[in-house]
Amino acid sequence: MLADIFPTGWHCTELAGLCPGESIVIYGAGPVGLMAAHSAMIKGASIVMVVHRHPDRLRLAESIGAIAIDDSTSSAVDQVLELTNGIGADRGCECVGYQAHDPMGEEHPNMTMNDLVKSVKFTGGIGVVGVFVPQDPAPQDPLYKHGEIVFDYGLCWFKGQTIGTGQCNVKAYNRQLRDLIFAGRAKPSFIVALDEAPAAYQHFDARDDGWTKVILKPAA
């Protein structure tokens, strides 16, 4: 967690410029997106919205107090605007990257970026840690072969939004985040389900028959 995922999620909220009391929408509920949501909660965001379409990941977002937005049921942008009285979120996080795809499975490298421009308010901030590469050898979108996307820059400019991007300098955050975990203020382990691990190690420690080695499979 401290070598990559938690610092990257935290970094995204920093790039977005999140301040206490502000609202934020996070596109993507993978490990980084969930850590961005967790970071936003720790920082005192008033509303944390997480956009995804997998029920299990949305449930994890809800478990820490975030509002789950299922973009397979209706427009995520419309849902964000409804939750913010038509204003849009103060801040937004892109935690998906160029392989973003619609509910039908078709890839749209520009989808989350353009949805964020529409979801974030005038003069709001957007942080981007989802991966976008200079070249894609097997793009579904021909333009993205050269790392280019059709971006709604006119609306972004008109709304006066700022965008921060780039890889996370983990060492700039991991000691502070370590201390938050040690103090009980941060609990990034909520995304890992290993309920049977303690019993498995008890069997292993007791040298019970058949317990030669314990293998942890989080995906299971």
C-alpha atoms as a PDB file:
ATOM      1  CA  MET A   1       0.000   0.000   0.000  1.00  0.00           C
ATOM      2  CA  LEU A   2       2.710   2.493   0.952  1.00  0.00           C
ATOM      3  CA  ALA A   3       4.919   1.573  -1.986  1.00  0.00           C
ATOM      4  CA  ASP A   4       2.389   2.660  -4.594  1.00  0.00           C
ATOM      5  CA  ILE A   5      -1.373   2.529  -4.201  1.00  0.00           C
ATOM      6  CA  PHE A   6      -2.114   4.705  -1.170  1.00  0.00           C
ATOM      7  CA  PRO A   7       0.425   7.431  -2.072  1.00  0.00           C
ATOM      8  CA  THR A   8      -0.880   7.544  -5.646  1.00  0.00           C
ATOM      9  CA  GLY A   9      -4.473   7.973  -4.493  1.00  0.00           C
ATOM     10  CA  TRP A  10      -3.364  10.698  -2.092  1.00  0.00           C
ATOM     11  CA  HIS A  11      -1.324  12.339  -4.869  1.00  0.00           C
ATOM     12  CA  CYS A  12      -4.403  12.538  -7.077  1.00  0.00           C
ATOM     13  CA  THR A  13      -6.296  14.551  -4.469  1.00  0.00           C
ATOM     14  CA  GLU A  14      -3.247  16.798  -4.130  1.00  0.00           C
ATOM     15  CA  LEU A  15      -3.140  17.365  -7.896  1.00  0.00           C
ATOM     16  CA  ALA A  16      -6.842  18.215  -7.806  1.00  0.00           C
ATOM     17  CA  GLY A  17      -6.213  20.762  -5.048  1.00  0.00           C
ATOM     18  CA  LEU A  18      -8.706  19.305  -2.590  1.00  0.00           C
ATOM     19  CA  CYS A  19      -9.326  21.380   0.544  1.00  0.00           C
ATOM     20  CA  PRO A  20     -11.373  20.493   3.655  1.00  0.00           C
ATOM     21  CA  GLY A  21     -15.097  20.971   3.162  1.00  0.00           C
ATOM     22  CA  GLU A  22     -14.996  20.595  -0.614  1.00  0.00           C
ATOM     23  CA  SER A  23     -16.804  18.012  -2.714  1.00  0.00           C
ATOM     24  CA  ILE A  24     -14.929  15.623  -4.980  1.00  0.00           C
ATOM     25  CA  VAL A  25     -15.823  13.082  -7.657  1.00  0.00           C
ATOM     26  CA  ILE A  26     -13.482  10.189  -8.392  1.00  0.00           C
ATOM     27  CA  TYR A  27     -13.715   8.303 -11.656  1.00  0.00           C
ATOM     28  CA  GLY A  28     -12.575   4.739 -11.091  1.00  0.00           C
ATOM     29  CA  ALA A  29     -12.972   2.454  -8.070  1.00  0.00           C
ATOM     30  CA  GLY A  30      -9.946   0.289  -8.552  1.00  0.00           C
ATOM     31  CA  PRO A  31      -7.341   0.269  -5.768  1.00  0.00           C
ATOM     32  CA  VAL A  32      -6.031   3.749  -6.648  1.00  0.00           C
ATOM     33  CA  GLY A  33      -9.503   5.253  -6.985  1.00  0.00           C
ATOM     34  CA  LEU A  34     -10.561   3.778  -3.650  1.00  0.00           C
ATOM     35  CA  MET A  35      -7.392   5.132  -2.045  1.00  0.00           C
ATOM     36  CA  ALA A  36      -8.172   8.558  -3.536  1.00  0.00           C
ATOM     37  CA  ALA A  37     -11.616   8.330  -1.941  1.00  0.00           C
ATOM     38  CA  HIS A  38     -10.081   7.249   1.375  1.00  0.00           C
ATOM     39  CA  SER A  39      -7.611  10.145   1.153  1.00  0.00           C
ATOM     40  CA  ALA A  40     -10.420  12.600   0.454  1.00  0.00           C
ATOM     41  CA  MET A  41     -12.307  11.389   3.516  1.00  0.00           C
ATOM     42  CA  ILE A  42      -9.204  11.820   5.680  1.00  0.00           C
ATOM     43  CA  LYS A  43      -8.680  15.328   4.281  1.00  0.00           C
ATOM     44  CA  GLY A  44     -12.200  16.353   5.288  1.00  0.00           C
ATOM     45  CA  ALA A  45     -14.061  16.423   1.989  1.00  0.00           C
ATOM     46  CA  SER A  46     -17.734  17.216   2.465  1.00  0.00           C
ATOM     47  CA  ILE A  47     -18.930  14.850  -0.276  1.00  0.00           C
ATOM     48  CA  VAL A  48     -16.943  12.049  -1.888  1.00  0.00           C
ATOM     49  CA  MET A  49     -18.498  10.522  -5.014  1.00  0.00           C
ATOM     50  CA  VAL A  50     -17.013   7.460  -6.710  1.00  0.00           C
ATOM     51  CA  VAL A  51     -17.935   6.495 -10.264  1.00  0.00           C
ATOM     52  CA  HIS A  52     -17.684   2.858 -11.310  1.00  0.00           C
ATOM     53  CA  ARG A  53     -19.918   0.030 -12.494  1.00  0.00           C
ATOM     54  CA  HIS A  54     -18.802  -3.052 -10.567  1.00  0.00           C
ATOM     55  CA  PRO A  55     -21.085  -3.564  -7.521  1.00  0.00           C
ATOM     56  CA  ASP A  56     -18.349  -5.025  -5.302  1.00  0.00           C
ATOM     57  CA  ARG A  57     -16.094  -2.002  -5.791  1.00  0.00           C
ATOM     58  CA  LEU A  58     -18.951   0.421  -5.315  1.00  0.00           C
ATOM     59  CA  ARG A  59     -19.793  -1.328  -2.046  1.00  0.00           C
ATOM     60  CA  LEU A  60     -16.207  -0.792  -0.890  1.00  0.00           C
ATOM     61  CA  ALA A  61     -16.555   2.905  -1.679  1.00  0.00           C
ATOM     62  CA  GLU A  62     -19.759   3.060   0.337  1.00  0.00           C
ATOM     63  CA  SER A  63     -18.101   1.253   3.249  1.00  0.00           C
ATOM     64  CA  ILE A  64     -15.910   4.319   3.902  1.00  0.00           C
ATOM     65  CA  GLY A  65     -18.743   6.828   3.546  1.00  0.00           C
ATOM     66  CA  ALA A  66     -18.457   7.676  -0.151  1.00  0.00           C
ATOM     67  CA  ILE A  67     -21.440   7.975  -2.475  1.00  0.00           C
ATOM     68  CA  ALA A  68     -21.423   5.240  -5.108  1.00  0.00           C
ATOM     69  CA  ILE A  69     -22.333   6.271  -8.655  1.00  0.00           C
ATOM     70  CA  ASP A  70     -23.055   3.437 -11.086  1.00  0.00           C
ATOM     71  CA  ASP A  71     -22.408   4.746 -14.580  1.00  0.00           C
ATOM     72  CA  SER A  72     -23.956   1.655 -16.181  1.00  0.00           C
ATOM     73  CA  THR A  73     -27.434   2.704 -15.074  1.00  0.00           C
ATOM     74  CA  SER A  74     -27.405   6.364 -16.140  1.00  0.00           C
ATOM     75  CA  SER A  75     -25.020   9.197 -16.980  1.00  0.00           C
ATOM     76  CA  ALA A  76     -22.400   9.668 -14.270  1.00  0.00           C
ATOM     77  CA  VAL A  77     -22.234  13.360 -15.139  1.00  0.00           C
ATOM     78  CA  ASP A  78     -25.979  13.777 -14.593  1.00  0.00           C
ATOM     79  CA  GLN A  79     -25.768  11.965 -11.252  1.00  0.00           C
ATOM     80  CA  VAL A  80     -22.892  14.182 -10.072  1.00  0.00           C
ATOM     81  CA  LEU A  81     -24.714  17.342 -11.101  1.00  0.00           C
ATOM     82  CA  GLU A  82     -27.852  16.167  -9.322  1.00  0.00           C
ATOM     83  CA  LEU A  83     -25.899  15.541  -6.124  1.00  0.00           C
ATOM     84  CA  THR A  84     -24.280  18.986  -6.311  1.00  0.00           C
ATOM     85  CA  ASN A  85     -27.378  21.062  -7.132  1.00  0.00           C
ATOM     86  CA  GLY A  86     -26.296  21.443 -10.737  1.00  0.00           C
ATOM     87  CA  ILE A  87     -22.988  23.126  -9.821  1.00  0.00           C
ATOM     88  CA  GLY A  88     -20.621  20.202 -10.179  1.00  0.00           C
ATOM     89  CA  ALA A  89     -18.004  18.875  -7.793  1.00  0.00           C
ATOM     90  CA  ASP A  90     -15.313  21.217  -6.488  1.00  0.00           C
ATOM     91  CA  ARG A  91     -12.625  18.703  -7.442  1.00  0.00           C
ATOM     92  CA  GLY A  92     -12.268  15.632  -9.607  1.00  0.00           C
ATOM     93  CA  CYS A  93      -9.887  12.674  -9.844  1.00  0.00           C
ATOM     94  CA  GLU A  94      -9.108  10.569 -12.906  1.00  0.00           C
ATOM     95  CA  CYS A  95      -8.070   7.108 -11.709  1.00  0.00           C
ATOM     96  CA  VAL A  96      -8.866   5.067 -14.816  1.00  0.00           C
ATOM     97  CA  GLY A  97      -6.557   6.060 -17.665  1.00  0.00           C
ATOM     98  CA  TYR A  98      -6.585   5.558 -21.414  1.00  0.00           C
ATOM     99  CA  GLN A  99      -8.252   2.132 -21.220  1.00  0.00           C
ATOM    100  CA  ALA A 100     -11.512   3.638 -19.971  1.00  0.00           C
ATOM    101  CA  HIS A 101     -14.470   1.941 -21.601  1.00  0.00           C
ATOM    102  CA  ASP A 102     -18.226   2.252 -21.741  1.00  0.00           C
ATOM    103  CA  PRO A 103     -20.666  -0.299 -20.228  1.00  0.00           C
ATOM    104  CA  MET A 104     -20.637  -2.171 -23.555  1.00  0.00           C
ATOM    105  CA  GLY A 105     -16.888  -2.705 -23.290  1.00  0.00           C
ATOM    106  CA  GLU A 106     -15.831  -0.302 -26.037  1.00  0.00           C
ATOM    107  CA  GLU A 107     -12.658   1.604 -25.224  1.00  0.00           C
ATOM    108  CA  HIS A 108     -12.761   5.413 -25.153  1.00  0.00           C
ATOM    109  CA  PRO A 109      -9.438   6.942 -24.014  1.00  0.00           C
ATOM    110  CA  ASN A 110     -11.060  10.363 -23.675  1.00  0.00           C
ATOM    111  CA  MET A 111     -14.201   9.304 -21.826  1.00  0.00           C
ATOM    112  CA  THR A 112     -13.281   9.955 -18.195  1.00  0.00           C
ATOM    113  CA  MET A 113     -11.398  13.163 -18.966  1.00  0.00           C
ATOM    114  CA  ASN A 114     -14.347  14.659 -20.801  1.00  0.00           C
ATOM    115  CA  ASP A 115     -16.790  13.446 -18.143  1.00  0.00           C
ATOM    116  CA  LEU A 116     -14.646  15.127 -15.486  1.00  0.00           C
ATOM    117  CA  VAL A 117     -14.713  18.436 -17.350  1.00  0.00           C
ATOM    118  CA  LYS A 118     -18.500  18.203 -17.307  1.00  0.00           C
ATOM    119  CA  SER A 119     -18.692  16.950 -13.704  1.00  0.00           C
ATOM    120  CA  VAL A 120     -16.390  19.528 -12.096  1.00  0.00           C
ATOM    121  CA  LYS A 121     -17.557  23.067 -11.449  1.00  0.00           C
ATOM    122  CA  PHE A 122     -16.298  26.304 -12.960  1.00  0.00           C
ATOM    123  CA  THR A 123     -12.768  27.058 -11.639  1.00  0.00           C
ATOM    124  CA  GLY A 124     -12.584  23.565 -10.159  1.00  0.00           C
ATOM    125  CA  GLY A 125      -9.512  21.339 -10.142  1.00  0.00           C
ATOM    126  CA  ILE A 126      -8.869  17.958 -11.734  1.00  0.00           C
ATOM    127  CA  GLY A 127      -6.113  15.504 -10.781  1.00  0.00           C
ATOM    128  CA  VAL A 128      -5.043  12.800 -13.231  1.00  0.00           C
ATOM    129  CA  VAL A 129      -3.099   9.698 -12.133  1.00  0.00           C
ATOM    130  CA  GLY A 130      -4.739   7.215 -14.495  1.00  0.00           C
ATOM    131  CA  VAL A 131      -2.141   6.103 -17.025  1.00  0.00           C
ATOM    132  CA  PHE A 132      -2.009   7.856 -20.407  1.00  0.00           C
ATOM    133  CA  VAL A 133       0.887   6.821 -22.653  1.00  0.00           C
ATOM    134  CA  PRO A 134       2.609   8.568 -25.600  1.00  0.00           C
ATOM    135  CA  GLN A 135       1.953   5.639 -27.948  1.00  0.00           C
ATOM    136  CA  ASP A 136      -0.419   2.680 -27.946  1.00  0.00           C
ATOM    137  CA  PRO A 137       0.631  -0.202 -30.246  1.00  0.00           C
ATOM    138  CA  ALA A 138      -2.858  -1.724 -30.301  1.00  0.00           C
ATOM    139  CA  PRO A 139      -5.357   1.103 -29.873  1.00  0.00           C
ATOM    140  CA  GLN A 140      -9.095   0.673 -30.197  1.00  0.00           C
ATOM    141  CA  ASP A 141      -9.197   4.399 -30.948  1.00  0.00           C
ATOM    142  CA  PRO A 142      -6.955   5.191 -33.969  1.00  0.00           C
ATOM    143  CA  LEU A 143      -6.087   8.640 -32.618  1.00  0.00           C
ATOM    144  CA  TYR A 144      -4.664   7.133 -29.469  1.00  0.00           C
ATOM    145  CA  LYS A 145      -2.049   5.254 -31.453  1.00  0.00           C
ATOM    146  CA  HIS A 146      -0.013   8.440 -30.930  1.00  0.00           C
ATOM    147  CA  GLY A 147      -1.271   9.075 -27.401  1.00  0.00           C
ATOM    148  CA  GLU A 148      -3.797  11.674 -28.555  1.00  0.00           C
ATOM    149  CA  ILE A 149      -7.410  12.053 -27.463  1.00  0.00           C
ATOM    150  CA  VAL A 150     -10.365  14.162 -28.522  1.00  0.00           C
ATOM    151  CA  PHE A 151     -10.500  16.392 -25.453  1.00  0.00           C
ATOM    152  CA  ASP A 152     -13.232  18.917 -24.702  1.00  0.00           C
ATOM    153  CA  TYR A 153     -10.692  21.691 -24.207  1.00  0.00           C
ATOM    154  CA  GLY A 154     -13.118  24.449 -25.147  1.00  0.00           C
ATOM    155  CA  LEU A 155     -15.419  23.629 -22.248  1.00  0.00           C
ATOM    156  CA  CYS A 156     -12.458  23.110 -19.920  1.00  0.00           C
ATOM    157  CA  TRP A 157     -11.084  26.540 -20.861  1.00  0.00           C
ATOM    158  CA  PHE A 158     -14.509  28.166 -20.626  1.00  0.00           C
ATOM    159  CA  LYS A 159     -14.986  26.748 -17.121  1.00  0.00           C
ATOM    160  CA  GLY A 160     -11.533  27.917 -16.030  1.00  0.00           C
ATOM    161  CA  GLN A 161     -10.572  24.512 -14.696  1.00  0.00           C
ATOM    162  CA  THR A 162      -7.060  23.490 -13.716  1.00  0.00           C
ATOM    163  CA  ILE A 163      -5.610  20.054 -14.430  1.00  0.00           C
ATOM    164  CA  GLY A 164      -2.703  18.450 -12.601  1.00  0.00           C
ATOM    165  CA  THR A 165      -1.129  15.282 -13.979  1.00  0.00           C
ATOM    166  CA  GLY A 166       1.832  13.001 -13.516  1.00  0.00           C
ATOM    167  CA  GLN A 167       3.237   9.997 -11.740  1.00  0.00           C
ATOM    168  CA  CYS A 168       3.374   9.969  -7.983  1.00  0.00           C
ATOM    169  CA  ASN A 169       6.599  10.649  -6.120  1.00  0.00           C
ATOM    170  CA  VAL A 170       5.891   8.002  -3.510  1.00  0.00           C
ATOM    171  CA  LYS A 171       8.656   9.135  -1.166  1.00  0.00           C
ATOM    172  CA  ALA A 172       7.000  12.528  -0.877  1.00  0.00           C
ATOM    173  CA  TYR A 173       4.047  10.930   0.908  1.00  0.00           C
ATOM    174  CA  ASN A 174       4.689   7.443   2.239  1.00  0.00           C
ATOM    175  CA  ARG A 175       6.197   8.359   5.614  1.00  0.00           C
ATOM    176  CA  GLN A 176       3.336  10.692   6.455  1.00  0.00           C
ATOM    177  CA  LEU A 177       0.806   8.110   5.294  1.00  0.00           C
ATOM    178  CA  ARG A 178       2.599   5.454   7.335  1.00  0.00           C
ATOM    179  CA  ASP A 179       2.123   7.630  10.418  1.00  0.00           C
ATOM    180  CA  LEU A 180      -1.584   8.093   9.601  1.00  0.00           C
ATOM    181  CA  ILE A 181      -1.938   4.308   9.509  1.00  0.00           C
ATOM    182  CA  PHE A 182       0.026   3.903  12.736  1.00  0.00           C
ATOM    183  CA  ALA A 183      -2.204   6.480  14.437  1.00  0.00           C
ATOM    184  CA  GLY A 184      -5.352   4.716  13.243  1.00  0.00           C
ATOM    185  CA  ARG A 185      -6.460   7.660  11.093  1.00  0.00           C
ATOM    186  CA  ALA A 186      -5.951   5.751   7.832  1.00  0.00           C
ATOM    187  CA  LYS A 187      -6.970   2.145   7.197  1.00  0.00           C
ATOM    188  CA  PRO A 188      -6.166   1.321   3.569  1.00  0.00           C
ATOM    189  CA  SER A 189      -6.560  -2.393   4.254  1.00  0.00           C
ATOM    190  CA  PHE A 190     -10.333  -2.026   3.788  1.00  0.00           C
ATOM    191  CA  ILE A 191      -9.843  -2.932   0.115  1.00  0.00           C
ATOM    192  CA  VAL A 192      -8.282  -6.303   0.968  1.00  0.00           C
ATOM    193  CA  ALA A 193     -10.471  -9.229   2.008  1.00  0.00           C
ATOM    194  CA  LEU A 194      -8.452 -12.015   3.610  1.00  0.00           C
ATOM    195  CA  ASP A 195     -10.892 -13.225   6.237  1.00  0.00           C
ATOM    196  CA  GLU A 196      -9.590 -16.790   6.275  1.00  0.00           C
ATOM    197  CA  ALA A 197      -5.919 -15.830   6.633  1.00  0.00           C
ATOM    198  CA  PRO A 198      -5.769 -15.918  10.478  1.00  0.00           C
ATOM    199  CA  ALA A 199      -7.266 -19.424  10.664  1.00  0.00           C
ATOM    200  CA  ALA A 200      -4.981 -20.634   7.885  1.00  0.00           C
ATOM    201  CA  TYR A 201      -1.901 -19.443   9.736  1.00  0.00           C
ATOM    202  CA  GLN A 202      -3.138 -21.004  12.965  1.00  0.00           C
ATOM    203  CA  HIS A 203      -3.269 -24.370  11.175  1.00  0.00           C
ATOM    204  CA  PHE A 204       0.163 -23.715   9.692  1.00  0.00           C
ATOM    205  CA  ASP A 205       1.656 -22.713  13.059  1.00  0.00           C
ATOM    206  CA  ALA A 206       0.190 -25.806  14.713  1.00  0.00           C
ATOM    207  CA  ARG A 207       1.713 -28.013  11.988  1.00  0.00           C
ATOM    208  CA  ASP A 208      -1.718 -29.517  11.353  1.00  0.00           C
ATOM    209  CA  ASP A 209      -1.858 -32.323   8.807  1.00  0.00           C
ATOM    210  CA  GLY A 210      -1.893 -30.971   5.254  1.00  0.00           C
ATOM    211  CA  TRP A 211      -0.905 -27.397   6.156  1.00  0.00           C
ATOM    212  CA  THR A 212       2.553 -27.311   4.602  1.00  0.00           C
ATOM    213  CA  LYS A 213       2.286 -23.845   3.097  1.00  0.00           C
ATOM    214  CA  VAL A 214      -0.289 -21.034   3.167  1.00  0.00           C
ATOM    215  CA  ILE A 215      -1.091 -19.251  -0.098  1.00  0.00           C
ATOM    216  CA  LEU A 216      -3.085 -16.029   0.055  1.00  0.00           C
ATOM    217  CA  LYS A 217      -5.388 -15.373  -2.892  1.00  0.00           C
ATOM    218  CA  PRO A 218      -7.056 -11.949  -2.468  1.00  0.00           C
ATOM    219  CA  ALA A 219      -9.022 -12.354  -5.716  1.00  0.00           C
ATOM    220  CA  ALA A 220     -10.786 -15.384  -4.289  1.00  0.00           C
END
